Structures are given as structure tokens and as C-alpha cells.
């Protein structure tokens, strides 16, 4: 039981900084890609979902997959 508790504490201590590190990387990527798209094609930028949605969908790394079709 003691070993399990030590393992869980170790897992918590090591996983939180890693998750924060990757969330910072994701946030920077979304910011840079959004700015690049604003400068390149403003009409496409307006069809992007919210910033929060793009940050939370961490498995999508192609900004073009977020752009919705024209109505």
C-alpha cells in the first residue's frame, strides 16, 4: 500500500509539469497560426472556431482542418 501511494505521488508530481509544458506549446502554436491566417486570408480566419476550442483539440495540428466550409 505504501509503494502504491509513493507511486501515485510521483506520477502526480511528474505529470503536471509535463502537461503544463505541452499546453504552453499548444497555446503558442494556435496563436502563431491564427495570426498567420489573419495576415494571409482574413475570410478563412473568420471561419475558424473559437480560440479555446482550437487549444483544447490538441490532436489537430493542421490549421486548415479547423476552417469551416463557406456557407
PDB file of N, CA and C in Angstrom:
ATOM      1  N   UNK A   1       0.830  -1.198   0.000  1.00  0.00           N
ATOM      2  CA  UNK A   1       0.000   0.000   0.000  1.00  0.00           C
ATOM      3  C   UNK A   1       0.865   1.249   0.000  1.00  0.00           C
ATOM      4  N   UNK A   2       1.953   1.189   0.737  1.00  0.00           N
ATOM      5  CA  UNK A   2       2.859   2.317   0.815  1.00  0.00           C
ATOM      6  C   UNK A   2       3.516   2.601  -0.538  1.00  0.00           C
ATOM      7  N   UNK A   3       3.875   1.537  -1.239  1.00  0.00           N
ATOM      8  CA  UNK A   3       4.513   1.687  -2.546  1.00  0.00           C
ATOM      9  C   UNK A   3       3.540   2.308  -3.538  1.00  0.00           C
ATOM     10  N   UNK A   4       2.290   1.898  -3.478  1.00  0.00           N
ATOM     11  CA  UNK A   4       1.279   2.462  -4.365  1.00  0.00           C
ATOM     12  C   UNK A   4       1.096   3.954  -4.109  1.00  0.00           C
ATOM     13  N   UNK A   5       1.058   4.355  -2.888  1.00  0.00           N
ATOM     14  CA  UNK A   5       0.933   5.762  -2.537  1.00  0.00           C
ATOM     15  C   UNK A   5       2.133   6.562  -3.035  1.00  0.00           C
ATOM     16  N   UNK A   6       3.314   6.035  -2.856  1.00  0.00           N
ATOM     17  CA  UNK A   6       4.524   6.715  -3.338  1.00  0.00           C
ATOM     18  C   UNK A   6       4.495   6.832  -4.856  1.00  0.00           C
ATOM     19  N   UNK A   7       4.069   5.772  -5.529  1.00  0.00           N
ATOM     20  CA  UNK A   7       3.974   5.798  -6.985  1.00  0.00           C
ATOM     21  C   UNK A   7       2.970   6.840  -7.462  1.00  0.00           C
ATOM     22  N   UNK A   8       1.815   6.936  -6.835  1.00  0.00           N
ATOM     23  CA  UNK A   8       0.800   7.909  -7.223  1.00  0.00           C
ATOM     24  C   UNK A   8       1.282   9.343  -7.003  1.00  0.00           C
ATOM     25  N   UNK A   9       1.976   9.574  -5.916  1.00  0.00           N
ATOM     26  CA  UNK A   9       2.527  10.908  -5.665  1.00  0.00           C
ATOM     27  C   UNK A   9       3.583  11.246  -6.710  1.00  0.00           C
ATOM     28  N   UNK A  10       4.448  10.298  -7.021  1.00  0.00           N
ATOM     29  CA  UNK A  10       5.473  10.512  -8.041  1.00  0.00           C
ATOM     30  C   UNK A  10       4.833  10.796  -9.399  1.00  0.00           C
ATOM     31  N   UNK A  11       3.789  10.047  -9.738  1.00  0.00           N
ATOM     32  CA  UNK A  11       3.090  10.241 -11.009  1.00  0.00           C
ATOM     33  C   UNK A  11       2.469  11.632 -11.086  1.00  0.00           C
ATOM     34  N   UNK A  12       1.872  12.088 -10.025  1.00  0.00           N
ATOM     35  CA  UNK A  12       1.278  13.417  -9.980  1.00  0.00           C
ATOM     36  C   UNK A  12       2.338  14.505 -10.121  1.00  0.00           C
ATOM     37  N   UNK A  13       3.429  14.350  -9.424  1.00  0.00           N
ATOM     38  CA  UNK A  13       4.498  15.355  -9.457  1.00  0.00           C
ATOM     39  C   UNK A  13       5.128  15.447 -10.844  1.00  0.00           C
ATOM     40  N   UNK A  14       5.267  14.336 -11.533  1.00  0.00           N
ATOM     41  CA  UNK A  14       5.912  14.364 -12.848  1.00  0.00           C
ATOM     42  C   UNK A  14       4.954  14.688 -13.987  1.00  0.00           C
ATOM     43  N   UNK A  15       3.695  14.361 -13.871  1.00  0.00           N
ATOM     44  CA  UNK A  15       2.777  14.571 -14.992  1.00  0.00           C
ATOM     45  C   UNK A  15       2.250  15.996 -15.084  1.00  0.00           C
ATOM     46  N   UNK A  16       2.091  16.681 -13.988  1.00  0.00           N
ATOM     47  CA  UNK A  16       1.577  18.051 -14.023  1.00  0.00           C
ATOM     48  C   UNK A  16       2.521  18.994 -14.767  1.00  0.00           C
ATOM     49  N   UNK A  17       3.817  19.020 -14.493  1.00  0.00           N
ATOM     50  CA  UNK A  17       4.699  19.903 -15.266  1.00  0.00           C
ATOM     51  C   UNK A  17       4.756  19.547 -16.752  1.00  0.00           C
ATOM     52  N   UNK A  18       4.684  18.282 -17.063  1.00  0.00           N
ATOM     53  CA  UNK A  18       4.694  17.873 -18.477  1.00  0.00           C
ATOM     54  C   UNK A  18       3.429  18.370 -19.173  1.00  0.00           C
ATOM     55  N   UNK A  19       2.291  18.235 -18.537  1.00  0.00           N
ATOM     56  CA  UNK A  19       1.038  18.714 -19.124  1.00  0.00           C
ATOM     57  C   UNK A  19       1.056  20.229 -19.293  1.00  0.00           C
ATOM     58  N   UNK A  20       1.574  20.941 -18.330  1.00  0.00           N
ATOM     59  CA  UNK A  20       1.681  22.394 -18.458  1.00  0.00           C
ATOM     60  C   UNK A  20       2.617  22.797 -19.589  1.00  0.00           C
ATOM     61  N   UNK A  21       3.721  22.097 -19.716  1.00  0.00           N
ATOM     62  CA  UNK A  21       4.677  22.391 -20.780  1.00  0.00           C
ATOM     63  C   UNK A  21       4.030  22.223 -22.153  1.00  0.00           C
ATOM     64  N   UNK A  22       3.328  21.112 -22.370  1.00  0.00           N
ATOM     65  CA  UNK A  22       2.705  20.883 -23.670  1.00  0.00           C
ATOM     66  C   UNK A  22       1.519  21.807 -23.918  1.00  0.00           C
ATOM     67  N   UNK A  23       0.823  22.229 -22.885  1.00  0.00           N
ATOM     68  CA  UNK A  23      -0.271  23.178 -23.091  1.00  0.00           C
ATOM     69  C   UNK A  23       0.266  24.555 -23.486  1.00  0.00           C
ATOM     70  N   UNK A  24       1.423  24.920 -22.975  1.00  0.00           N
ATOM     71  CA  UNK A  24       2.052  26.184 -23.388  1.00  0.00           C
ATOM     72  C   UNK A  24       2.478  26.109 -24.842  1.00  0.00           C
ATOM     73  N   UNK A  25       3.046  24.974 -25.241  1.00  0.00           N
ATOM     74  CA  UNK A  25       3.436  24.794 -26.643  1.00  0.00           C
ATOM     75  C   UNK A  25       2.206  24.873 -27.546  1.00  0.00           C
ATOM     76  N   UNK A  26       1.126  24.235 -27.156  1.00  0.00           N
ATOM     77  CA  UNK A  26      -0.100  24.249 -27.963  1.00  0.00           C
ATOM     78  C   UNK A  26      -0.674  25.656 -28.055  1.00  0.00           C
ATOM     79  N   UNK A  27      -0.691  26.377 -26.955  1.00  0.00           N
ATOM     80  CA  UNK A  27      -1.205  27.739 -26.944  1.00  0.00           C
ATOM     81  C   UNK A  27      -0.398  28.626 -27.893  1.00  0.00           C
ATOM     82  N   UNK A  28       0.916  28.506 -27.852  1.00  0.00           N
ATOM     83  CA  UNK A  28       1.765  29.294 -28.752  1.00  0.00           C
ATOM     84  C   UNK A  28       1.515  28.935 -30.209  1.00  0.00           C
ATOM     85  N   UNK A  29       1.334  27.664 -30.495  1.00  0.00           N
ATOM     86  CA  UNK A  29       1.082  27.243 -31.874  1.00  0.00           C
ATOM     87  C   UNK A  29      -0.222  27.825 -32.399  1.00  0.00           C
ATOM     88  N   UNK A  30      -1.284  27.735 -31.599  1.00  0.00           N
ATOM     89  CA  UNK A  30      -2.584  28.270 -32.029  1.00  0.00           C
ATOM     90  C   UNK A  30      -2.485  29.775 -32.254  1.00  0.00           C
ATOM     91  N   UNK A  31      -1.798  30.465 -31.379  1.00  0.00           N
ATOM     92  CA  UNK A  31      -1.635  31.908 -31.517  1.00  0.00           C
ATOM     93  C   UNK A  31      -0.892  32.259 -32.811  1.00  0.00           C
ATOM     94  N   UNK A  32       0.234  31.609 -33.054  1.00  0.00           N
ATOM     95  CA  UNK A  32       1.021  31.890 -34.259  1.00  0.00           C
ATOM     96  C   UNK A  32       0.255  31.568 -35.533  1.00  0.00           C
ATOM     97  N   UNK A  33      -0.419  30.433 -35.548  1.00  0.00           N
ATOM     98  CA  UNK A  33      -1.166  30.043 -36.745  1.00  0.00           C
ATOM     99  C   UNK A  33      -2.362  30.979 -36.989  1.00  0.00           C
ATOM    100  N   UNK A  34      -3.010  31.412 -35.934  1.00  0.00           N
ATOM    101  CA  UNK A  34      -4.133  32.346 -36.097  1.00  0.00           C
ATOM    102  C   UNK A  34      -3.657  33.677 -36.663  1.00  0.00           C
ATOM    103  N   UNK A  35      -2.564  34.176 -36.148  1.00  0.00           N
ATOM    104  CA  UNK A  35      -2.012  35.439 -36.652  1.00  0.00           C
ATOM    105  C   UNK A  35      -1.582  35.296 -38.103  1.00  0.00           C
ATOM    106  N   UNK A  36      -0.957  34.166 -38.426  1.00  0.00           N
ATOM    107  CA  UNK A  36      -0.526  33.930 -39.802  1.00  0.00           C
ATOM    108  C   UNK A  36      -1.735  33.894 -40.738  1.00  0.00           C
ATOM    109  N   UNK A  37      -2.814  33.267 -40.298  1.00  0.00           N
ATOM    110  CA  UNK A  37      -4.009  33.171 -41.132  1.00  0.00           C
ATOM    111  C   UNK A  37      -4.702  34.519 -41.275  1.00  0.00           C
ATOM    112  N   UNK A  38      -4.673  35.342 -40.248  1.00  0.00           N
ATOM    113  CA  UNK A  38      -5.263  36.686 -40.346  1.00  0.00           C
ATOM    114  C   UNK A  38      -4.534  37.485 -41.417  1.00  0.00           C
ATOM    115  N   UNK A  39      -3.230  37.400 -41.409  1.00  0.00           N
ATOM    116  CA  UNK A  39      -2.441  38.155 -42.385  1.00  0.00           C
ATOM    117  C   UNK A  39      -2.574  37.610 -43.807  1.00  0.00           C
ATOM    118  N   UNK A  40      -2.769  36.317 -43.914  1.00  0.00           N
ATOM    119  CA  UNK A  40      -2.815  35.676 -45.229  1.00  0.00           C
ATOM    120  C   UNK A  40      -4.207  35.733 -45.849  1.00  0.00           C
ATOM    121  N   UNK A  41      -5.221  35.314 -45.087  1.00  0.00           N
ATOM    122  CA  UNK A  41      -6.575  35.203 -45.624  1.00  0.00           C
ATOM    123  C   UNK A  41      -7.589  35.460 -44.508  1.00  0.00           C
ATOM    124  N   UNK A  42      -8.061  36.688 -44.434  1.00  0.00           N
ATOM    125  CA  UNK A  42      -8.954  37.081 -43.343  1.00  0.00           C
ATOM    126  C   UNK A  42     -10.295  36.352 -43.421  1.00  0.00           C
ATOM    127  N   UNK A  43     -10.768  36.066 -44.604  1.00  0.00           N
ATOM    128  CA  UNK A  43     -12.049  35.351 -44.745  1.00  0.00           C
ATOM    129  C   UNK A  43     -11.965  33.945 -44.145  1.00  0.00           C
ATOM    130  N   UNK A  44     -10.858  33.291 -44.323  1.00  0.00           N
ATOM    131  CA  UNK A  44     -10.669  31.973 -43.710  1.00  0.00           C
ATOM    132  C   UNK A  44     -10.557  32.091 -42.193  1.00  0.00           C
ATOM    133  N   UNK A  45      -9.920  33.141 -41.738  1.00  0.00           N
ATOM    134  CA  UNK A  45      -9.783  33.358 -40.295  1.00  0.00           C
ATOM    135  C   UNK A  45     -11.145  33.500 -39.627  1.00  0.00           C
ATOM    136  N   UNK A  46     -12.070  34.175 -40.284  1.00  0.00           N
ATOM    137  CA  UNK A  46     -13.401  34.369 -39.711  1.00  0.00           C
ATOM    138  C   UNK A  46     -14.169  33.053 -39.591  1.00  0.00           C
ATOM    139  N   UNK A  47     -13.780  32.045 -40.343  1.00  0.00           N
ATOM    140  CA  UNK A  47     -14.462  30.751 -40.287  1.00  0.00           C
ATOM    141  C   UNK A  47     -13.830  29.788 -39.284  1.00  0.00           C
ATOM    142  N   UNK A  48     -12.808  30.227 -38.572  1.00  0.00           N
ATOM    143  CA  UNK A  48     -12.194  29.386 -37.541  1.00  0.00           C
ATOM    144  C   UNK A  48     -13.108  29.269 -36.321  1.00  0.00           C
ATOM    145  N   UNK A  49     -13.027  28.158 -35.606  1.00  0.00           N
ATOM    146  CA  UNK A  49     -13.764  28.061 -34.339  1.00  0.00           C
ATOM    147  C   UNK A  49     -13.095  28.939 -33.274  1.00  0.00           C
ATOM    148  N   UNK A  50     -13.599  28.896 -32.078  1.00  0.00           N
ATOM    149  CA  UNK A  50     -13.053  29.729 -31.012  1.00  0.00           C
ATOM    150  C   UNK A  50     -11.621  29.322 -30.674  1.00  0.00           C
ATOM    151  N   UNK A  51     -10.918  30.246 -30.091  1.00  0.00           N
ATOM    152  CA  UNK A  51      -9.524  30.012 -29.697  1.00  0.00           C
ATOM    153  C   UNK A  51      -9.435  28.879 -28.688  1.00  0.00           C
ATOM    154  N   UNK A  52     -10.333  28.877 -27.733  1.00  0.00           N
ATOM    155  CA  UNK A  52     -10.348  27.843 -26.692  1.00  0.00           C
ATOM    156  C   UNK A  52     -10.559  26.457 -27.294  1.00  0.00           C
ATOM    157  N   UNK A  53     -11.465  26.354 -28.256  1.00  0.00           N
ATOM    158  CA  UNK A  53     -11.718  25.071 -28.901  1.00  0.00           C
ATOM    159  C   UNK A  53     -10.461  24.577 -29.621  1.00  0.00           C
ATOM    160  N   UNK A  54      -9.772  25.464 -30.300  1.00  0.00           N
ATOM    161  CA  UNK A  54      -8.570  25.052 -31.026  1.00  0.00           C
ATOM    162  C   UNK A  54      -7.455  24.631 -30.067  1.00  0.00           C
ATOM    163  N   UNK A  55      -7.352  25.284 -28.919  1.00  0.00           N
ATOM    164  CA  UNK A  55      -6.332  24.894 -27.950  1.00  0.00           C
ATOM    165  C   UNK A  55      -6.671  23.537 -27.346  1.00  0.00           C
ATOM    166  N   UNK A  56      -7.928  23.290 -27.059  1.00  0.00           N
ATOM    167  CA  UNK A  56      -8.310  22.031 -26.413  1.00  0.00           C
ATOM    168  C   UNK A  56      -8.289  20.832 -27.360  1.00  0.00           C
ATOM    169  N   UNK A  57      -8.414  21.047 -28.651  1.00  0.00           N
ATOM    170  CA  UNK A  57      -8.324  19.942 -29.627  1.00  0.00           C
ATOM    171  C   UNK A  57      -6.857  19.721 -29.963  1.00  0.00           C
ATOM    172  N   UNK A  58      -6.118  19.228 -28.997  1.00  0.00           N
ATOM    173  CA  UNK A  58      -4.664  19.120 -29.119  1.00  0.00           C
ATOM    174  C   UNK A  58      -4.209  18.094 -30.141  1.00  0.00           C
ATOM    175  N   UNK A  59      -5.092  17.226 -30.609  1.00  0.00           N
ATOM    176  CA  UNK A  59      -4.692  16.198 -31.570  1.00  0.00           C
ATOM    177  C   UNK A  59      -4.700  16.735 -33.002  1.00  0.00           C
ATOM    178  N   UNK A  60      -5.220  17.932 -33.242  1.00  0.00           N
ATOM    179  CA  UNK A  60      -5.244  18.521 -34.583  1.00  0.00           C
ATOM    180  C   UNK A  60      -4.107  19.528 -34.689  1.00  0.00           C
ATOM    181  N   UNK A  61      -3.171  19.276 -35.608  1.00  0.00           N
ATOM    182  CA  UNK A  61      -2.017  20.163 -35.779  1.00  0.00           C
ATOM    183  C   UNK A  61      -1.988  20.790 -37.169  1.00  0.00           C
ATOM    184  N   UNK A  62      -3.108  20.787 -37.861  1.00  0.00           N
ATOM    185  CA  UNK A  62      -3.212  21.434 -39.162  1.00  0.00           C
ATOM    186  C   UNK A  62      -4.320  22.475 -39.072  1.00  0.00           C
ATOM    187  N   UNK A  63      -3.941  23.721 -39.177  1.00  0.00           N
ATOM    188  CA  UNK A  63      -4.922  24.809 -39.003  1.00  0.00           C
ATOM    189  C   UNK A  63      -6.018  24.746 -40.062  1.00  0.00           C
ATOM    190  N   UNK A  64      -5.721  24.190 -41.223  1.00  0.00           N
ATOM    191  CA  UNK A  64      -6.715  24.105 -42.298  1.00  0.00           C
ATOM    192  C   UNK A  64      -7.854  23.144 -41.967  1.00  0.00           C
ATOM    193  N   UNK A  65      -7.630  22.205 -41.073  1.00  0.00           N
ATOM    194  CA  UNK A  65      -8.699  21.290 -40.673  1.00  0.00           C
ATOM    195  C   UNK A  65      -9.724  21.976 -39.776  1.00  0.00           C
ATOM    196  N   UNK A  66      -9.369  23.096 -39.189  1.00  0.00           N
ATOM    197  CA  UNK A  66     -10.308  23.837 -38.345  1.00  0.00           C
ATOM    198  C   UNK A  66     -11.222  24.750 -39.150  1.00  0.00           C
ATOM    199  N   UNK A  67     -10.805  25.115 -40.331  1.00  0.00           N
ATOM    200  CA  UNK A  67     -11.572  26.083 -41.119  1.00  0.00           C
ATOM    201  C   UNK A  67     -12.858  25.438 -41.615  1.00  0.00           C
ATOM    202  N   UNK A  68     -13.979  26.059 -41.278  1.00  0.00           N
ATOM    203  CA  UNK A  68     -15.276  25.565 -41.710  1.00  0.00           C
ATOM    204  C   UNK A  68     -15.519  25.942 -43.165  1.00  0.00           C
ATOM    205  N   UNK A  69     -16.390  25.194 -43.823  1.00  0.00           N
ATOM    206  CA  UNK A  69     -16.731  25.472 -45.209  1.00  0.00           C
ATOM    207  C   UNK A  69     -17.519  26.772 -45.310  1.00  0.00           C
ATOM    208  N   UNK A  70     -17.432  27.401 -46.483  1.00  0.00           N
ATOM    209  CA  UNK A  70     -18.232  28.604 -46.718  1.00  0.00           C
ATOM    210  C   UNK A  70     -19.690  28.235 -46.807  1.00  0.00           C
ATOM    211  N   UNK A  71     -20.530  29.145 -46.319  1.00  0.00           N
ATOM    212  CA  UNK A  71     -21.987  28.894 -46.371  1.00  0.00           C
ATOM    213  C   UNK A  71     -22.548  29.333 -47.696  1.00  0.00           C
TER     214      UNK A  71
END
